[in-house]
Amino acid sequence: MKAFLGAVLTMAVITVAAPSVLGQIGFSAADAGSGTSVRLD
């Protein structure tokens, strides 16, 4: 039971922290999906 609660808590922390951390390092889904290196077939 402790392992399950630890996993749930870890997932919650990652879910909450990911957008702010990715924003600080400059990652943007809009930038990743557009530009000259994107191949559209």
PDB file of N, CA and C in Angstrom:
ATOM      1  N   MET A   1       0.820  -1.192   0.000  1.00  0.00           N
ATOM      2  CA  MET A   1       0.000   0.000   0.000  1.00  0.00           C
ATOM      3  C   MET A   1       0.869   1.263   0.000  1.00  0.00           C
ATOM      4  N   LYS A   2       1.993   1.228   0.708  1.00  0.00           N
ATOM      5  CA  LYS A   2       2.882   2.384   0.746  1.00  0.00           C
ATOM      6  C   LYS A   2       3.464   2.667  -0.636  1.00  0.00           C
ATOM      7  N   ALA A   3       3.799   1.607  -1.367  1.00  0.00           N
ATOM      8  CA  ALA A   3       4.355   1.787  -2.709  1.00  0.00           C
ATOM      9  C   ALA A   3       3.331   2.420  -3.642  1.00  0.00           C
ATOM     10  N   PHE A   4       2.089   2.001  -3.541  1.00  0.00           N
ATOM     11  CA  PHE A   4       1.029   2.556  -4.375  1.00  0.00           C
ATOM     12  C   PHE A   4       0.823   4.036  -4.073  1.00  0.00           C
ATOM     13  N   LEU A   5       0.755   4.385  -2.808  1.00  0.00           N
ATOM     14  CA  LEU A   5       0.571   5.789  -2.436  1.00  0.00           C
ATOM     15  C   LEU A   5       1.765   6.639  -2.862  1.00  0.00           C
ATOM     16  N   GLY A   6       2.941   6.067  -2.750  1.00  0.00           N
ATOM     17  CA  GLY A   6       4.137   6.781  -3.201  1.00  0.00           C
ATOM     18  C   GLY A   6       4.107   7.032  -4.702  1.00  0.00           C
ATOM     19  N   ALA A   7       3.652   6.038  -5.464  1.00  0.00           N
ATOM     20  CA  ALA A   7       3.562   6.193  -6.917  1.00  0.00           C
ATOM     21  C   ALA A   7       2.525   7.247  -7.294  1.00  0.00           C
ATOM     22  N   VAL A   8       1.395   7.236  -6.620  1.00  0.00           N
ATOM     23  CA  VAL A   8       0.349   8.225  -6.898  1.00  0.00           C
ATOM     24  C   VAL A   8       0.848   9.627  -6.558  1.00  0.00           C
ATOM     25  N   LEU A   9       1.507   9.770  -5.437  1.00  0.00           N
ATOM     26  CA  LEU A   9       2.044  11.067  -5.047  1.00  0.00           C
ATOM     27  C   LEU A   9       3.099  11.551  -6.040  1.00  0.00           C
ATOM     28  N   THR A  10       3.955  10.657  -6.487  1.00  0.00           N
ATOM     29  CA  THR A  10       4.973  11.001  -7.461  1.00  0.00           C
ATOM     30  C   THR A  10       4.343  11.470  -8.774  1.00  0.00           C
ATOM     31  N   MET A  11       3.325  10.754  -9.236  1.00  0.00           N
ATOM     32  CA  MET A  11       2.650  11.151 -10.473  1.00  0.00           C
ATOM     33  C   MET A  11       1.988  12.517 -10.332  1.00  0.00           C
ATOM     34  N   ALA A  12       1.410  12.793  -9.179  1.00  0.00           N
ATOM     35  CA  ALA A  12       0.762  14.081  -8.954  1.00  0.00           C
ATOM     36  C   ALA A  12       1.790  15.211  -8.970  1.00  0.00           C
ATOM     37  N   VAL A  13       2.926  14.997  -8.339  1.00  0.00           N
ATOM     38  CA  VAL A  13       3.977  16.022  -8.315  1.00  0.00           C
ATOM     39  C   VAL A  13       4.503  16.284  -9.715  1.00  0.00           C
ATOM     40  N   ILE A  14       4.743  15.236 -10.478  1.00  0.00           N
ATOM     41  CA  ILE A  14       5.241  15.402 -11.845  1.00  0.00           C
ATOM     42  C   ILE A  14       4.213  16.126 -12.704  1.00  0.00           C
ATOM     43  N   THR A  15       2.934  15.776 -12.556  1.00  0.00           N
ATOM     44  CA  THR A  15       1.874  16.406 -13.340  1.00  0.00           C
ATOM     45  C   THR A  15       1.767  17.895 -13.050  1.00  0.00           C
ATOM     46  N   VAL A  16       1.928  18.274 -11.799  1.00  0.00           N
ATOM     47  CA  VAL A  16       1.814  19.678 -11.424  1.00  0.00           C
ATOM     48  C   VAL A  16       3.073  20.455 -11.819  1.00  0.00           C
ATOM     49  N   ALA A  17       4.239  19.848 -11.670  1.00  0.00           N
ATOM     50  CA  ALA A  17       5.498  20.562 -11.888  1.00  0.00           C
ATOM     51  C   ALA A  17       5.932  20.616 -13.349  1.00  0.00           C
ATOM     52  N   ALA A  18       5.514  19.679 -14.164  1.00  0.00           N
ATOM     53  CA  ALA A  18       6.010  19.587 -15.539  1.00  0.00           C
ATOM     54  C   ALA A  18       5.769  20.847 -16.372  1.00  0.00           C
ATOM     55  N   PRO A  19       4.568  21.407 -16.397  1.00  0.00           N
ATOM     56  CA  PRO A  19       4.376  22.600 -17.247  1.00  0.00           C
ATOM     57  C   PRO A  19       5.287  23.778 -16.887  1.00  0.00           C
ATOM     58  N   SER A  20       5.477  24.017 -15.607  1.00  0.00           N
ATOM     59  CA  SER A  20       6.320  25.155 -15.224  1.00  0.00           C
ATOM     60  C   SER A  20       7.786  24.875 -15.529  1.00  0.00           C
ATOM     61  N   VAL A  21       8.245  23.672 -15.300  1.00  0.00           N
ATOM     62  CA  VAL A  21       9.649  23.335 -15.576  1.00  0.00           C
ATOM     63  C   VAL A  21       9.911  23.384 -17.075  1.00  0.00           C
ATOM     64  N   LEU A  22       9.008  22.815 -17.882  1.00  0.00           N
ATOM     65  CA  LEU A  22       9.204  22.837 -19.327  1.00  0.00           C
ATOM     66  C   LEU A  22       9.141  24.263 -19.869  1.00  0.00           C
ATOM     67  N   GLY A  23       8.299  25.100 -19.277  1.00  0.00           N
ATOM     68  CA  GLY A  23       8.234  26.495 -19.690  1.00  0.00           C
ATOM     69  C   GLY A  23       9.514  27.244 -19.377  1.00  0.00           C
ATOM     70  N   GLN A  24      10.129  26.938 -18.245  1.00  0.00           N
ATOM     71  CA  GLN A  24      11.374  27.614 -17.855  1.00  0.00           C
ATOM     72  C   GLN A  24      12.544  27.241 -18.754  1.00  0.00           C
ATOM     73  N   ILE A  25      12.573  26.004 -19.242  1.00  0.00           N
ATOM     74  CA  ILE A  25      13.690  25.595 -20.090  1.00  0.00           C
ATOM     75  C   ILE A  25      13.447  25.916 -21.560  1.00  0.00           C
ATOM     76  N   GLY A  26      12.273  26.480 -21.876  1.00  0.00           N
ATOM     77  CA  GLY A  26      12.022  26.941 -23.233  1.00  0.00           C
ATOM     78  C   GLY A  26      11.351  25.947 -24.145  1.00  0.00           C
ATOM     79  N   PHE A  27      10.840  24.849 -23.617  1.00  0.00           N
ATOM     80  CA  PHE A  27      10.146  23.886 -24.458  1.00  0.00           C
ATOM     81  C   PHE A  27       8.731  24.352 -24.731  1.00  0.00           C
ATOM     82  N   SER A  28       8.339  24.312 -25.988  1.00  0.00           N
ATOM     83  CA  SER A  28       6.983  24.689 -26.374  1.00  0.00           C
ATOM     84  C   SER A  28       6.483  23.694 -27.410  1.00  0.00           C
ATOM     85  N   ALA A  29       5.298  23.142 -27.210  1.00  0.00           N
ATOM     86  CA  ALA A  29       4.726  22.216 -28.179  1.00  0.00           C
ATOM     87  C   ALA A  29       4.461  22.924 -29.500  1.00  0.00           C
ATOM     88  N   ALA A  30       4.134  24.212 -29.450  1.00  0.00           N
ATOM     89  CA  ALA A  30       3.905  24.970 -30.675  1.00  0.00           C
ATOM     90  C   ALA A  30       5.202  25.087 -31.486  1.00  0.00           C
ATOM     91  N   ASP A  31       6.320  25.295 -30.797  1.00  0.00           N
ATOM     92  CA  ASP A  31       7.601  25.379 -31.493  1.00  0.00           C
ATOM     93  C   ASP A  31       8.020  24.022 -32.048  1.00  0.00           C
ATOM     94  N   ALA A  32       7.724  22.961 -31.319  1.00  0.00           N
ATOM     95  CA  ALA A  32       8.108  21.622 -31.756  1.00  0.00           C
ATOM     96  C   ALA A  32       7.279  21.164 -32.952  1.00  0.00           C
ATOM     97  N   GLY A  33       6.071  21.687 -33.097  1.00  0.00           N
ATOM     98  CA  GLY A  33       5.191  21.253 -34.180  1.00  0.00           C
ATOM     99  C   GLY A  33       5.121  22.197 -35.350  1.00  0.00           C
ATOM    100  N   SER A  34       5.995  23.179 -35.404  1.00  0.00           N
ATOM    101  CA  SER A  34       5.998  24.123 -36.526  1.00  0.00           C
ATOM    102  C   SER A  34       7.426  24.535 -36.840  1.00  0.00           C
ATOM    103  N   GLY A  35       7.620  25.044 -37.995  1.00  0.00           N
ATOM    104  CA  GLY A  35       8.956  25.491 -38.385  1.00  0.00           C
ATOM    105  C   GLY A  35       9.409  24.841 -39.653  1.00  0.00           C
ATOM    106  N   THR A  36      10.652  25.106 -40.033  1.00  0.00           N
ATOM    107  CA  THR A  36      11.169  24.589 -41.300  1.00  0.00           C
ATOM    108  C   THR A  36      11.532  23.115 -41.234  1.00  0.00           C
ATOM    109  N   SER A  37      11.771  22.585 -40.053  1.00  0.00           N
ATOM    110  CA  SER A  37      12.180  21.182 -39.949  1.00  0.00           C
ATOM    111  C   SER A  37      10.994  20.229 -39.803  1.00  0.00           C
ATOM    112  N   VAL A  38       9.774  20.745 -39.809  1.00  0.00           N
ATOM    113  CA  VAL A  38       8.594  19.886 -39.688  1.00  0.00           C
ATOM    114  C   VAL A  38       8.202  19.396 -41.070  1.00  0.00           C
ATOM    115  N   ARG A  39       8.010  18.113 -41.172  1.00  0.00           N
ATOM    116  CA  ARG A  39       7.663  17.502 -42.448  1.00  0.00           C
ATOM    117  C   ARG A  39       6.181  17.185 -42.479  1.00  0.00           C
ATOM    118  N   LEU A  40       5.470  17.767 -43.403  1.00  0.00           N
ATOM    119  CA  LEU A  40       4.044  17.512 -43.567  1.00  0.00           C
ATOM    120  C   LEU A  40       3.819  16.767 -44.869  1.00  0.00           C
ATOM    121  N   ASP A  41       3.331  15.552 -44.767  1.00  0.00           N
ATOM    122  CA  ASP A  41       3.079  14.739 -45.966  1.00  0.00           C
ATOM    123  C   ASP A  41       1.648  14.836 -46.393  1.00  0.00           C
TER     124      ASP A  41
END
